[in-house]
Structures are given as structure tokens and as C-alpha cells.
PDB file of all heavy atoms in Angstrom:
ATOM      1  N   ASP A   1      -5.503  13.681 -26.569  1.00  0.00           N
ATOM      2  CA  ASP A   1      -4.780  14.955 -26.536  1.00  0.00           C
ATOM      3  C   ASP A   1      -4.407  15.394 -25.119  1.00  0.00           C
ATOM      4  O   ASP A   1      -3.876  16.486 -24.924  1.00  0.00           O
ATOM      5  CB  ASP A   1      -5.635  16.048 -27.192  1.00  0.00           C
ATOM      6  CG  ASP A   1      -5.945  15.734 -28.647  1.00  0.00           C
ATOM      7  OD1 ASP A   1      -5.020  15.284 -29.352  1.00  0.00           O
ATOM      8  OD2 ASP A   1      -7.104  15.920 -29.065  1.00  0.00           O
ATOM      9  N   LEU A   2      -4.686  14.537 -24.126  1.00  0.00           N
ATOM     10  CA  LEU A   2      -4.429  14.911 -22.747  1.00  0.00           C
ATOM     11  C   LEU A   2      -3.256  14.164 -22.120  1.00  0.00           C
ATOM     12  O   LEU A   2      -2.883  14.450 -20.983  1.00  0.00           O
ATOM     13  CB  LEU A   2      -5.695  14.674 -21.895  1.00  0.00           C
ATOM     14  CG  LEU A   2      -6.881  15.592 -22.188  1.00  0.00           C
ATOM     15  CD1 LEU A   2      -8.109  15.159 -21.379  1.00  0.00           C
ATOM     16  CD2 LEU A   2      -6.523  17.049 -21.855  1.00  0.00           C
ATOM     17  N   LEU A   3      -2.674  13.212 -22.845  1.00  0.00           N
ATOM     18  CA  LEU A   3      -1.534  12.471 -22.299  1.00  0.00           C
ATOM     19  C   LEU A   3      -0.400  13.427 -21.929  1.00  0.00           C
ATOM     20  O   LEU A   3      -0.016  14.290 -22.715  1.00  0.00           O
ATOM     21  CB  LEU A   3      -1.038  11.437 -23.300  1.00  0.00           C
ATOM     22  CG  LEU A   3      -1.801  10.107 -23.321  1.00  0.00           C
ATOM     23  CD1 LEU A   3      -1.404   9.283 -24.536  1.00  0.00           C
ATOM     24  CD2 LEU A   3      -1.555   9.323 -22.043  1.00  0.00           C
ATOM     25  N   GLY A   4       0.089  13.275 -20.715  1.00  0.00           N
ATOM     26  CA  GLY A   4       1.155  14.140 -20.218  1.00  0.00           C
ATOM     27  C   GLY A   4       0.666  15.437 -19.615  1.00  0.00           C
ATOM     28  O   GLY A   4       1.477  16.235 -19.129  1.00  0.00           O
ATOM     29  N   LYS A   5      -0.653  15.634 -19.606  1.00  0.00           N
ATOM     30  CA  LYS A   5      -1.215  16.880 -19.081  1.00  0.00           C
ATOM     31  C   LYS A   5      -1.952  16.643 -17.766  1.00  0.00           C
ATOM     32  O   LYS A   5      -2.401  15.535 -17.471  1.00  0.00           O
ATOM     33  CB  LYS A   5      -2.171  17.501 -20.108  1.00  0.00           C
ATOM     34  CG  LYS A   5      -1.479  17.899 -21.409  1.00  0.00           C
ATOM     35  CD  LYS A   5      -2.455  18.519 -22.387  1.00  0.00           C
ATOM     36  CE  LYS A   5      -1.747  18.909 -23.690  1.00  0.00           C
ATOM     37  NZ  LYS A   5      -2.697  19.477 -24.681  1.00  0.00           N
ATOM     38  N   GLU A   6      -2.091  17.709 -16.997  1.00  0.00           N
ATOM     39  CA  GLU A   6      -2.782  17.628 -15.716  1.00  0.00           C
ATOM     40  C   GLU A   6      -4.288  17.544 -15.958  1.00  0.00           C
ATOM     41  O   GLU A   6      -4.868  18.376 -16.648  1.00  0.00           O
ATOM     42  CB  GLU A   6      -2.454  18.851 -14.862  1.00  0.00           C
ATOM     43  CG  GLU A   6      -3.029  18.792 -13.460  1.00  0.00           C
ATOM     44  CD  GLU A   6      -2.608  19.968 -12.603  1.00  0.00           C
ATOM     45  OE1 GLU A   6      -1.405  20.321 -12.634  1.00  0.00           O
ATOM     46  OE2 GLU A   6      -3.480  20.542 -11.923  1.00  0.00           O
ATOM     47  N   VAL A   7      -4.921  16.516 -15.378  1.00  0.00           N
ATOM     48  CA  VAL A   7      -6.361  16.324 -15.558  1.00  0.00           C
ATOM     49  C   VAL A   7      -7.104  16.275 -14.231  1.00  0.00           C
ATOM     50  O   VAL A   7      -8.332  16.210 -14.200  1.00  0.00           O
ATOM     51  CB  VAL A   7      -6.650  15.028 -16.351  1.00  0.00           C
ATOM     52  CG1 VAL A   7      -6.121  15.134 -17.770  1.00  0.00           C
ATOM     53  CG2 VAL A   7      -6.092  13.801 -15.641  1.00  0.00           C
ATOM     54  N   ALA A   8      -6.364  16.305 -13.116  1.00  0.00           N
ATOM     55  CA  ALA A   8      -6.973  16.207 -11.792  1.00  0.00           C
ATOM     56  C   ALA A   8      -6.029  16.835 -10.775  1.00  0.00           C
ATOM     57  O   ALA A   8      -4.855  17.094 -11.075  1.00  0.00           O
ATOM     58  CB  ALA A   8      -7.235  14.741 -11.443  1.00  0.00           C
ATOM     59  N   PRO A   9      -6.493  17.077  -9.551  1.00  0.00           N
ATOM     60  CA  PRO A   9      -5.589  17.577  -8.505  1.00  0.00           C
ATOM     61  C   PRO A   9      -4.439  16.602  -8.265  1.00  0.00           C
ATOM     62  O   PRO A   9      -4.552  15.400  -8.515  1.00  0.00           O
ATOM     63  CB  PRO A   9      -6.504  17.660  -7.270  1.00  0.00           C
ATOM     64  CG  PRO A   9      -7.881  17.807  -7.828  1.00  0.00           C
ATOM     65  CD  PRO A   9      -7.897  16.997  -9.086  1.00  0.00           C
ATOM     66  N   GLU A  10      -3.330  17.107  -7.745  1.00  0.00           N
ATOM     67  CA  GLU A  10      -2.114  16.296  -7.628  1.00  0.00           C
ATOM     68  C   GLU A  10      -2.258  15.141  -6.643  1.00  0.00           C
ATOM     69  O   GLU A  10      -1.468  14.196  -6.668  1.00  0.00           O
ATOM     70  CB  GLU A  10      -0.917  17.184  -7.236  1.00  0.00           C
ATOM     71  CG  GLU A  10      -1.090  18.001  -5.977  1.00  0.00           C
ATOM     72  CD  GLU A  10      -0.718  17.229  -4.721  1.00  0.00           C
ATOM     73  OE1 GLU A  10       0.066  16.269  -4.864  1.00  0.00           O
ATOM     74  OE2 GLU A  10      -1.202  17.575  -3.634  1.00  0.00           O
ATOM     75  N   TYR A  11      -3.290  15.157  -5.802  1.00  0.00           N
ATOM     76  CA  TYR A  11      -3.488  14.068  -4.843  1.00  0.00           C
ATOM     77  C   TYR A  11      -4.372  12.947  -5.413  1.00  0.00           C
ATOM     78  O   TYR A  11      -4.785  12.046  -4.680  1.00  0.00           O
ATOM     79  CB  TYR A  11      -4.088  14.594  -3.531  1.00  0.00           C
ATOM     80  CG  TYR A  11      -5.231  15.567  -3.705  1.00  0.00           C
ATOM     81  CD1 TYR A  11      -6.534  15.131  -3.974  1.00  0.00           C
ATOM     82  CD2 TYR A  11      -5.013  16.943  -3.603  1.00  0.00           C
ATOM     83  CE1 TYR A  11      -7.572  16.015  -4.125  1.00  0.00           C
ATOM     84  CE2 TYR A  11      -6.050  17.849  -3.765  1.00  0.00           C
ATOM     85  CZ  TYR A  11      -7.328  17.383  -4.023  1.00  0.00           C
ATOM     86  OH  TYR A  11      -8.373  18.271  -4.181  1.00  0.00           O
ATOM     87  N   VAL A  12      -4.637  12.987  -6.727  1.00  0.00           N
ATOM     88  CA  VAL A  12      -5.474  11.966  -7.367  1.00  0.00           C
ATOM     89  C   VAL A  12      -4.615  11.061  -8.251  1.00  0.00           C
ATOM     90  O   VAL A  12      -3.915  11.537  -9.146  1.00  0.00           O
ATOM     91  CB  VAL A  12      -6.586  12.613  -8.216  1.00  0.00           C
ATOM     92  CG1 VAL A  12      -7.359  11.549  -9.000  1.00  0.00           C
ATOM     93  CG2 VAL A  12      -7.539  13.409  -7.328  1.00  0.00           C
ATOM     94  N   THR A  13      -4.661   9.758  -7.984  1.00  0.00           N
ATOM     95  CA  THR A  13      -3.983   8.759  -8.809  1.00  0.00           C
ATOM     96  C   THR A  13      -4.960   7.635  -9.126  1.00  0.00           C
ATOM     97  O   THR A  13      -5.631   7.122  -8.234  1.00  0.00           O
ATOM     98  CB  THR A  13      -2.743   8.183  -8.098  1.00  0.00           C
ATOM     99  OG1 THR A  13      -1.759   9.223  -7.956  1.00  0.00           O
ATOM    100  CG2 THR A  13      -2.133   7.026  -8.883  1.00  0.00           C
ATOM    101  N   MET A  14      -5.037   7.281 -10.409  1.00  0.00           N
ATOM    102  CA  MET A  14      -5.920   6.200 -10.854  1.00  0.00           C
ATOM    103  C   MET A  14      -5.081   5.144 -11.556  1.00  0.00           C
ATOM    104  O   MET A  14      -4.296   5.462 -12.454  1.00  0.00           O
ATOM    105  CB  MET A  14      -6.989   6.749 -11.802  1.00  0.00           C
ATOM    106  CG  MET A  14      -8.010   5.715 -12.258  1.00  0.00           C
ATOM    107  SD  MET A  14      -9.248   6.461 -13.361  1.00  0.00           S
ATOM    108  CE  MET A  14      -9.031   5.442 -14.820  1.00  0.00           C
ATOM    109  N   SER A  15      -5.236   3.890 -11.142  1.00  0.00           N
ATOM    110  CA  SER A  15      -4.365   2.815 -11.631  1.00  0.00           C
ATOM    111  C   SER A  15      -5.151   1.683 -12.277  1.00  0.00           C
ATOM    112  O   SER A  15      -6.351   1.519 -12.062  1.00  0.00           O
ATOM    113  CB  SER A  15      -3.539   2.241 -10.468  1.00  0.00           C
ATOM    114  OG  SER A  15      -2.812   3.254  -9.810  1.00  0.00           O
ATOM    115  N   GLU A  16      -4.432   0.903 -13.055  1.00  0.00           N
ATOM    116  CA  GLU A  16      -4.901  -0.380 -13.585  1.00  0.00           C
ATOM    117  C   GLU A  16      -3.859  -1.376 -13.133  1.00  0.00           C
ATOM    118  O   GLU A  16      -2.758  -1.429 -13.676  1.00  0.00           O
ATOM    119  CB  GLU A  16      -4.956  -0.331 -15.119  1.00  0.00           C
ATOM    120  CG  GLU A  16      -6.318  -0.582 -15.704  1.00  0.00           C
ATOM    121  CD  GLU A  16      -6.748  -2.025 -15.620  1.00  0.00           C
ATOM    122  OE1 GLU A  16      -5.906  -2.916 -15.749  1.00  0.00           O
ATOM    123  OE2 GLU A  16      -7.945  -2.263 -15.421  1.00  0.00           O
ATOM    124  N   ARG A  17      -4.193  -2.174 -12.105  1.00  0.00           N
ATOM    125  CA  ARG A  17      -3.128  -2.985 -11.513  1.00  0.00           C
ATOM    126  C   ARG A  17      -3.675  -4.240 -10.846  1.00  0.00           C
ATOM    127  O   ARG A  17      -4.884  -4.404 -10.683  1.00  0.00           O
ATOM    128  CB  ARG A  17      -2.339  -2.162 -10.496  1.00  0.00           C
ATOM    129  CG  ARG A  17      -3.137  -1.680  -9.281  1.00  0.00           C
ATOM    130  CD  ARG A  17      -2.194  -1.000  -8.290  1.00  0.00           C
ATOM    131  NE  ARG A  17      -2.873  -0.416  -7.137  1.00  0.00           N
ATOM    132  CZ  ARG A  17      -3.185  -1.092  -6.026  1.00  0.00           C
ATOM    133  NH1 ARG A  17      -2.940  -2.384  -5.951  1.00  0.00           N
ATOM    134  NH2 ARG A  17      -3.773  -0.479  -5.010  1.00  0.00           N
ATOM    135  N   ILE A  18      -2.739  -5.103 -10.476  1.00  0.00           N
ATOM    136  CA  ILE A  18      -3.097  -6.274  -9.693  1.00  0.00           C
ATOM    137  C   ILE A  18      -3.521  -5.811  -8.301  1.00  0.00           C
ATOM    138  O   ILE A  18      -2.844  -4.998  -7.675  1.00  0.00           O
ATOM    139  CB  ILE A  18      -1.900  -7.248  -9.588  1.00  0.00           C
ATOM    140  CG1 ILE A  18      -1.473  -7.715 -10.992  1.00  0.00           C
ATOM    141  CG2 ILE A  18      -2.262  -8.443  -8.708  1.00  0.00           C
ATOM    142  CD1 ILE A  18      -2.557  -8.433 -11.768  1.00  0.00           C
ATOM    143  N   VAL A  19      -4.650  -6.322  -7.828  1.00  0.00           N
ATOM    144  CA  VAL A  19      -5.217  -5.925  -6.546  1.00  0.00           C
ATOM    145  C   VAL A  19      -5.507  -7.191  -5.743  1.00  0.00           C
ATOM    146  O   VAL A  19      -5.927  -8.204  -6.315  1.00  0.00           O
ATOM    147  CB  VAL A  19      -6.528  -5.129  -6.743  1.00  0.00           C
ATOM    148  CG1 VAL A  19      -7.120  -4.715  -5.403  1.00  0.00           C
ATOM    149  CG2 VAL A  19      -6.292  -3.908  -7.607  1.00  0.00           C
ATOM    150  N   GLU A  20      -5.297  -7.149  -4.453  1.00  0.00           N
ATOM    151  CA  GLU A  20      -5.642  -8.281  -3.605  1.00  0.00           C
ATOM    152  C   GLU A  20      -7.111  -8.649  -3.801  1.00  0.00           C
ATOM    153  O   GLU A  20      -8.005  -7.828  -3.595  1.00  0.00           O
ATOM    154  CB  GLU A  20      -5.390  -7.919  -2.132  1.00  0.00           C
ATOM    155  CG  GLU A  20      -5.818  -8.982  -1.144  1.00  0.00           C
ATOM    156  CD  GLU A  20      -4.952 -10.230  -1.197  1.00  0.00           C
ATOM    157  OE1 GLU A  20      -3.778 -10.132  -1.600  1.00  0.00           O
ATOM    158  OE2 GLU A  20      -5.459 -11.307  -0.829  1.00  0.00           O
ATOM    159  N   GLY A  21      -7.361  -9.864  -4.266  1.00  0.00           N
ATOM    160  CA  GLY A  21      -8.723 -10.316  -4.501  1.00  0.00           C
ATOM    161  C   GLY A  21      -9.336  -9.822  -5.793  1.00  0.00           C
ATOM    162  O   GLY A  21     -10.520 -10.057  -6.048  1.00  0.00           O
ATOM    163  N   GLY A  22      -8.563  -9.156  -6.635  1.00  0.00           N
ATOM    164  CA  GLY A  22      -9.105  -8.586  -7.875  1.00  0.00           C
ATOM    165  C   GLY A  22      -9.615  -9.654  -8.831  1.00  0.00           C
ATOM    166  O   GLY A  22      -8.975 -10.684  -9.039  1.00  0.00           O
ATOM    167  N   PHE A  23     -10.769  -9.378  -9.439  1.00  0.00           N
ATOM    168  CA  PHE A  23     -11.394 -10.333 -10.361  1.00  0.00           C
ATOM    169  C   PHE A  23     -10.671 -10.359 -11.705  1.00  0.00           C
ATOM    170  O   PHE A  23     -10.851 -11.275 -12.496  1.00  0.00           O
ATOM    171  CB  PHE A  23     -12.864  -9.952 -10.562  1.00  0.00           C
ATOM    172  CG  PHE A  23     -13.785 -11.109 -10.825  1.00  0.00           C
ATOM    173  CD1 PHE A  23     -13.363 -12.418 -10.704  1.00  0.00           C
ATOM    174  CD2 PHE A  23     -15.095 -10.876 -11.194  1.00  0.00           C
ATOM    175  CE1 PHE A  23     -14.224 -13.484 -10.942  1.00  0.00           C
ATOM    176  CE2 PHE A  23     -15.966 -11.934 -11.431  1.00  0.00           C
ATOM    177  CZ  PHE A  23     -15.533 -13.235 -11.302  1.00  0.00           C
ATOM    178  N   GLY A  24      -9.840  -9.353 -11.973  1.00  0.00           N
ATOM    179  CA  GLY A  24      -9.115  -9.295 -13.232  1.00  0.00           C
ATOM    180  C   GLY A  24      -7.656  -9.705 -13.116  1.00  0.00           C
ATOM    181  O   GLY A  24      -6.879  -9.533 -14.052  1.00  0.00           O
ATOM    182  N   ASN A  25      -7.267 -10.257 -11.970  1.00  0.00           N
ATOM    183  CA  ASN A  25      -5.865 -10.628 -11.749  1.00  0.00           C
ATOM    184  C   ASN A  25      -5.401 -11.736 -12.694  1.00  0.00           C
ATOM    185  O   ASN A  25      -6.151 -12.666 -12.995  1.00  0.00           O
ATOM    186  CB  ASN A  25      -5.663 -11.113 -10.310  1.00  0.00           C
ATOM    187  CG  ASN A  25      -5.703  -9.991  -9.293  1.00  0.00           C
ATOM    188  OD1 ASN A  25      -5.757  -8.818  -9.646  1.00  0.00           O
ATOM    189  ND2 ASN A  25      -5.684 -10.343  -8.018  1.00  0.00           N
ATOM    190  N   ASP A  26      -4.168 -11.649 -13.151  1.00  0.00           N
ATOM    191  CA  ASP A  26      -3.530 -12.701 -13.926  1.00  0.00           C
ATOM    192  C   ASP A  26      -2.036 -12.401 -13.988  1.00  0.00           C
ATOM    193  O   ASP A  26      -1.612 -11.268 -13.702  1.00  0.00           O
ATOM    194  CB  ASP A  26      -4.098 -12.795 -15.339  1.00  0.00           C
ATOM    195  CG  ASP A  26      -3.988 -14.204 -15.926  1.00  0.00           C
ATOM    196  OD1 ASP A  26      -3.148 -14.986 -15.429  1.00  0.00           O
ATOM    197  OD2 ASP A  26      -4.730 -14.519 -16.868  1.00  0.00           O
ATOM    198  N   LYS A  27      -1.237 -13.377 -14.382  1.00  0.00           N
ATOM    199  CA  LYS A  27       0.207 -13.186 -14.497  1.00  0.00           C
ATOM    200  C   LYS A  27       0.594 -12.754 -15.904  1.00  0.00           C
ATOM    201  O   LYS A  27       1.506 -11.942 -16.084  1.00  0.00           O
ATOM    202  CB  LYS A  27       0.938 -14.480 -14.127  1.00  0.00           C
ATOM    203  CG  LYS A  27       2.447 -14.323 -14.041  1.00  0.00           C
ATOM    204  CD  LYS A  27       3.112 -15.601 -13.533  1.00  0.00           C
ATOM    205  CE  LYS A  27       4.628 -15.421 -13.445  1.00  0.00           C
ATOM    206  NZ  LYS A  27       5.301 -16.659 -12.952  1.00  0.00           N
TER     207      LYS A  27
END
């Protein structure tokens, strides 16, 4: 019920992404 809503201050971003050296990396 929170999709599209503000859940944190505007300077907070949380990602799921490819990271240099990430153990979960794949193509």
C-alpha cells in the first residue's frame, strides 16, 4: 500500500542493481 508514496527523506535512495564486485551480479 506504499508504492508511489514517500517512505523516507528525499535524500534517501535504495537500489537493487549491478554493483562493482557484487556477489549477485549477472547479465
